[in-house]
Amino acid sequence: MVSLEGRVAFVTGAGSGIGRAGAIAMAQCGAHVVVTDRDGALAVATADAITEAGNSAKALAIDVTDSALLEKAILQTAERHGRLDILHSHAGIQIEGKLDQVLVEDMDASWDLNVRAHFIAARAAIGPMKQQGGGSIIITASNSGVQYDREMIAYATTKHAAVAMTRQMAADYARDNIRFNTLCPGFVDTPFNAGFEVQMGGRKALESYIADTIPMGRWGTTGEIADAIVFLASDMSTFVTGHALVVDGGECI
């Protein structure tokens, strides 16, 4: 097993789906994981699952659009533990629709969650990471950040922006040994796909798309994405920065 022994990780959007799977996987590898979610009960449930397995976690209720609270939580985590090794900024939103269907406030909400919150989190994390000599920052984008989805202007635009922002940060902080990479999952069967389900005309149509269009012909699993998170968080990827790691069964080929 990959070792993250002695490392401290901070994860947003860890109450369910990919965020939860990644938090659990990092804890299984020995990291102490600060599990955060807008829904405090979900954060507690993830932390409980980690501690019941004999691993280490703390739960916090955090809405990542509250910039002051997010920054404070990250800095307090670093101060409390004397270090911050991994930031997985995962929380996001998916809003479907074309240009004439998406409200301005929906585009603003997409930007706040899919770009701005990652900026705030990363900005808070770099101070402690520079002081300790490095760290790994993982920002969840999507394979929609390396391709274009029909009728998903808010989602695709903000996910492309997240990829570009992460690459810029990677270039700026490589000499500080702080690695920045984007995680770009394809279709994983979680409630987060509600926007795509609506856009495609319902669950049956979405499942047909998965079977017919994705080269591997199936959904990905949260465990498969968690493996990619552990890779980016660990010393297996010490020479990897500025990369958009696509895990999508070949969809974007």
Protein backbone atom coordinates (compact mmCIF):
# COMPACT_ATOMS: atom_id res chain seq x y z
CA MET A 1 0.00 0.00 0.00
CA VAL A 2 1.12 3.56 -0.70
CA SER A 3 2.20 5.32 2.50
CA LEU A 4 0.86 8.70 3.53
CA GLU A 5 1.93 8.09 7.12
CA GLY A 6 2.39 11.31 9.05
CA ARG A 7 0.77 13.44 6.34
CA VAL A 8 -2.11 15.84 6.93
CA ALA A 9 -4.80 16.21 4.26
CA PHE A 10 -7.64 18.71 3.95
CA VAL A 11 -10.55 17.73 1.68
CA THR A 12 -13.58 19.76 0.63
CA GLY A 13 -16.81 18.18 -0.60
CA ALA A 14 -15.87 14.97 1.22
CA GLY A 15 -19.32 14.06 2.47
CA SER A 16 -20.22 11.84 -0.47
CA GLY A 17 -19.14 10.41 -3.81
CA ILE A 18 -15.60 10.99 -5.04
CA GLY A 19 -14.64 13.34 -2.20
CA ARG A 20 -15.66 10.76 0.40
CA ALA A 21 -13.87 7.91 -1.41
CA GLY A 22 -10.68 9.94 -1.72
CA ALA A 23 -10.72 10.97 1.94
CA ILE A 24 -11.20 7.37 3.05
CA ALA A 25 -8.46 6.13 0.72
CA MET A 26 -5.93 8.69 1.96
CA ALA A 27 -6.76 7.82 5.57
CA GLN A 28 -6.27 4.13 4.79
CA CYS A 29 -2.79 5.04 3.58
CA GLY A 30 -2.01 6.66 6.93
CA ALA A 31 -2.92 10.33 6.48
CA HIS A 32 -4.85 12.32 9.04
CA VAL A 33 -7.74 13.68 6.98
CA VAL A 34 -9.75 16.79 7.75
CA VAL A 35 -13.08 15.96 6.13
CA THR A 36 -15.23 18.94 5.18
CA ASP A 37 -18.60 19.32 3.54
CA ARG A 38 -21.36 21.91 3.40
CA ASP A 39 -23.56 19.27 5.03
CA GLY A 40 -21.97 18.76 8.43
CA ALA A 41 -23.78 15.46 9.00
CA LEU A 42 -22.26 14.02 5.83
CA ALA A 43 -18.80 15.20 6.88
CA VAL A 44 -19.26 13.50 10.25
CA ALA A 45 -20.42 10.28 8.55
CA THR A 46 -17.27 10.18 6.41
CA ALA A 47 -15.03 10.93 9.39
CA ASP A 48 -16.79 8.24 11.42
CA ALA A 49 -16.24 5.70 8.65
CA ILE A 50 -12.53 6.56 8.74
CA THR A 51 -12.12 6.37 12.50
CA GLU A 52 -14.20 3.19 12.81
CA ALA A 53 -11.70 1.56 10.47
CA GLY A 54 -8.91 2.55 12.85
CA ASN A 55 -7.70 5.57 10.91
CA SER A 56 -7.55 9.30 11.71
CA ALA A 57 -9.99 12.03 10.70
CA LYS A 58 -11.76 15.18 11.84
CA ALA A 59 -15.05 16.51 10.45
CA LEU A 60 -15.89 20.15 9.74
CA ALA A 61 -19.01 21.75 8.27
CA ILE A 62 -17.77 24.23 5.65
CA ASP A 63 -19.49 25.96 2.77
CA VAL A 64 -16.59 26.68 0.43
CA THR A 65 -18.29 29.81 -0.89
CA ASP A 66 -17.62 31.33 2.55
CA SER A 67 -14.09 32.39 1.69
CA ALA A 68 -13.15 33.60 5.18
CA LEU A 69 -14.33 30.37 6.82
CA LEU A 70 -12.55 28.19 4.23
CA GLU A 71 -9.27 30.06 4.58
CA LYS A 72 -9.48 30.01 8.38
CA ALA A 73 -10.14 26.26 8.48
CA ILE A 74 -7.15 25.47 6.26
CA LEU A 75 -4.78 27.70 8.23
CA GLN A 76 -6.03 26.34 11.56
CA THR A 77 -5.51 22.79 10.31
CA ALA A 78 -1.90 23.58 9.43
CA GLU A 79 -1.33 25.32 12.76
CA ARG A 80 -2.96 22.53 14.80
CA HIS A 81 -0.94 19.75 13.20
CA GLY A 82 2.23 21.69 12.44
CA ARG A 83 1.91 20.94 8.73
CA LEU A 84 -0.40 20.62 5.74
CA ASP A 85 0.75 18.12 3.13
CA ILE A 86 -2.29 17.60 0.90
CA LEU A 87 -5.16 19.81 -0.17
CA HIS A 88 -7.88 18.16 -2.22
CA SER A 89 -10.19 20.99 -3.23
CA HIS A 90 -13.08 18.95 -4.55
CA ALA A 91 -16.42 20.67 -3.91
CA GLY A 92 -18.19 21.80 -7.07
CA ILE A 93 -21.51 22.28 -8.84
CA GLN A 94 -23.01 21.06 -12.10
CA ILE A 95 -25.57 23.23 -13.88
CA GLU A 96 -26.87 22.16 -17.26
CA GLY A 97 -27.98 24.31 -20.18
CA LYS A 98 -26.98 26.32 -23.23
CA LEU A 99 -26.20 30.04 -23.27
CA ASP A 100 -29.86 31.06 -23.53
CA GLN A 101 -30.92 28.60 -20.82
CA VAL A 102 -28.44 29.36 -18.03
CA LEU A 103 -29.27 32.27 -15.75
CA VAL A 104 -26.56 34.77 -14.94
CA GLU A 105 -26.82 33.82 -11.27
CA ASP A 106 -26.31 30.15 -12.22
CA MET A 107 -23.13 31.05 -14.10
CA ASP A 108 -21.99 33.06 -11.08
CA ALA A 109 -22.69 30.10 -8.79
CA SER A 110 -20.69 27.84 -11.10
CA TRP A 111 -17.76 30.24 -11.05
CA ASP A 112 -17.89 30.61 -7.25
CA LEU A 113 -17.76 26.85 -6.63
CA ASN A 114 -15.81 25.51 -9.61
CA VAL A 115 -13.10 28.17 -9.78
CA ARG A 116 -13.10 30.80 -7.02
CA ALA A 117 -13.36 28.36 -4.10
CA HIS A 118 -10.37 26.41 -5.47
CA PHE A 119 -8.42 29.67 -5.74
CA ILE A 120 -9.20 30.58 -2.12
CA ALA A 121 -8.31 27.10 -0.82
CA ALA A 122 -5.04 26.91 -2.74
CA ARG A 123 -4.10 30.43 -1.73
CA ALA A 124 -4.52 29.49 1.93
CA ALA A 125 -2.55 26.26 1.59
CA ILE A 126 0.58 27.56 -0.09
CA GLY A 127 1.87 29.41 2.97
CA PRO A 128 2.18 26.36 5.23
CA MET A 129 3.38 24.25 2.33
CA LYS A 130 6.16 26.69 1.44
CA GLN A 131 7.32 26.78 5.06
CA GLN A 132 7.57 22.99 5.29
CA GLY A 133 9.23 22.56 1.90
CA GLY A 134 6.40 21.35 -0.31
CA GLY A 135 3.03 19.72 -0.67
CA SER A 136 0.43 18.44 -3.10
CA ILE A 137 -2.63 20.43 -4.16
CA ILE A 138 -5.27 18.53 -6.10
CA ILE A 139 -8.12 20.46 -7.68
CA THR A 140 -11.09 18.56 -9.02
CA ALA A 141 -12.03 19.68 -12.51
CA SER A 142 -13.62 17.13 -14.87
CA ASN A 143 -12.98 15.59 -18.24
CA SER A 144 -15.30 18.44 -19.23
CA GLY A 145 -12.23 20.60 -18.58
CA VAL A 146 -10.36 19.00 -21.49
CA GLN A 147 -13.26 18.63 -23.93
CA TYR A 148 -16.57 20.36 -24.67
CA ASP A 149 -19.95 19.05 -23.60
CA ARG A 150 -23.05 19.96 -25.55
CA GLU A 151 -25.49 22.18 -23.66
CA MET A 152 -23.27 22.52 -20.57
CA ILE A 153 -21.82 26.03 -20.95
CA ALA A 154 -21.49 26.90 -17.26
CA TYR A 155 -19.98 23.57 -16.32
CA ALA A 156 -17.55 23.19 -19.22
CA THR A 157 -16.40 26.82 -19.06
CA THR A 158 -15.61 26.72 -15.35
CA LYS A 159 -13.95 23.31 -15.53
CA HIS A 160 -11.66 24.54 -18.34
CA ALA A 161 -10.87 27.55 -16.18
CA ALA A 162 -9.98 25.30 -13.24
CA VAL A 163 -7.53 23.34 -15.41
CA ALA A 164 -5.92 26.55 -16.70
CA MET A 165 -5.67 28.07 -13.21
CA THR A 166 -4.09 24.91 -11.81
CA ARG A 167 -1.46 24.84 -14.56
CA GLN A 168 -0.62 28.46 -13.89
CA MET A 169 -0.21 27.79 -10.17
CA ALA A 170 1.92 24.72 -10.95
CA ALA A 171 4.30 26.86 -12.99
CA ASP A 172 4.46 29.54 -10.31
CA TYR A 173 5.21 27.24 -7.36
CA ALA A 174 7.21 24.36 -8.83
CA ARG A 175 10.44 25.73 -7.33
CA ASP A 176 8.75 25.65 -3.91
CA ASN A 177 8.11 21.93 -4.39
CA ILE A 178 4.35 22.51 -4.27
CA ARG A 179 2.70 20.35 -6.89
CA PHE A 180 -0.61 21.40 -8.44
CA ASN A 181 -2.64 18.93 -10.49
CA THR A 182 -6.22 18.67 -11.64
CA LEU A 183 -8.28 15.54 -11.22
CA CYS A 184 -10.51 15.09 -14.28
CA PRO A 185 -13.03 12.30 -13.72
CA GLY A 186 -15.48 11.11 -16.33
CA PHE A 187 -18.85 9.58 -15.51
CA VAL A 188 -19.01 8.06 -12.04
CA ASP A 189 -22.44 6.99 -10.80
CA THR A 190 -23.05 9.56 -8.08
CA PRO A 191 -25.83 12.16 -7.53
CA PHE A 192 -23.48 14.78 -8.98
CA ASN A 193 -24.56 13.67 -12.48
CA ALA A 194 -28.03 15.19 -12.07
CA GLY A 195 -27.23 18.01 -14.50
CA PHE A 196 -26.05 15.66 -17.24
CA GLU A 197 -29.06 13.42 -16.63
CA VAL A 198 -31.41 16.35 -17.20
CA GLN A 199 -29.43 17.54 -20.22
CA MET A 200 -29.51 14.09 -21.83
CA GLY A 201 -33.20 13.54 -21.26
CA GLY A 202 -33.32 11.25 -18.23
CA ARG A 203 -31.58 8.34 -16.55
CA LYS A 204 -32.23 5.86 -19.35
CA ALA A 205 -30.70 8.17 -21.94
CA LEU A 206 -27.67 8.79 -19.72
CA GLU A 207 -27.11 5.07 -19.23
CA SER A 208 -27.40 4.55 -22.98
CA TYR A 209 -24.75 7.23 -23.51
CA ILE A 210 -22.44 5.51 -21.03
CA ALA A 211 -22.86 2.13 -22.72
CA ASP A 212 -22.58 3.35 -26.32
CA THR A 213 -20.20 6.32 -26.25
CA ILE A 214 -17.58 5.63 -23.59
CA PRO A 215 -14.99 3.24 -25.07
CA MET A 216 -14.91 1.11 -21.92
CA GLY A 217 -18.70 0.98 -21.98
CA ARG A 218 -19.32 1.56 -18.29
CA TRP A 219 -19.37 3.98 -15.38
CA GLY A 220 -16.21 4.58 -13.42
CA THR A 221 -16.24 3.79 -9.72
CA THR A 222 -15.44 6.10 -6.83
CA GLY A 223 -12.70 3.66 -5.87
CA GLU A 224 -11.02 4.06 -9.25
CA ILE A 225 -11.03 7.84 -8.85
CA ALA A 226 -9.77 7.49 -5.26
CA ASP A 227 -6.76 5.57 -6.59
CA ALA A 228 -5.93 8.57 -8.78
CA ILE A 229 -6.28 10.90 -5.79
CA VAL A 230 -3.85 8.80 -3.75
CA PHE A 231 -1.42 8.81 -6.67
CA LEU A 232 -1.46 12.61 -6.91
CA ALA A 233 -1.27 13.01 -3.12
CA SER A 234 1.63 10.62 -2.62
CA ASP A 235 5.31 10.31 -3.44
CA MET A 236 4.39 8.21 -6.47
CA SER A 237 3.87 11.50 -8.30
CA THR A 238 6.75 13.63 -7.05
CA PHE A 239 7.69 14.70 -10.61
CA VAL A 240 4.09 15.34 -11.71
CA THR A 241 2.81 18.91 -11.67
CA GLY A 242 0.58 20.96 -13.94
CA HIS A 243 -1.10 17.79 -15.14
CA ALA A 244 -4.78 17.19 -15.86
CA LEU A 245 -5.22 13.56 -14.86
CA VAL A 246 -8.14 12.27 -16.88
CA VAL A 247 -9.86 9.14 -15.55
CA ASP A 248 -12.83 8.62 -17.86
CA GLY A 249 -12.73 5.20 -19.55
CA GLY A 250 -11.57 6.82 -22.79
CA GLU A 251 -14.54 9.18 -23.22
CA CYS A 252 -12.44 12.19 -24.24
CA ILE A 253 -10.40 10.27 -26.83
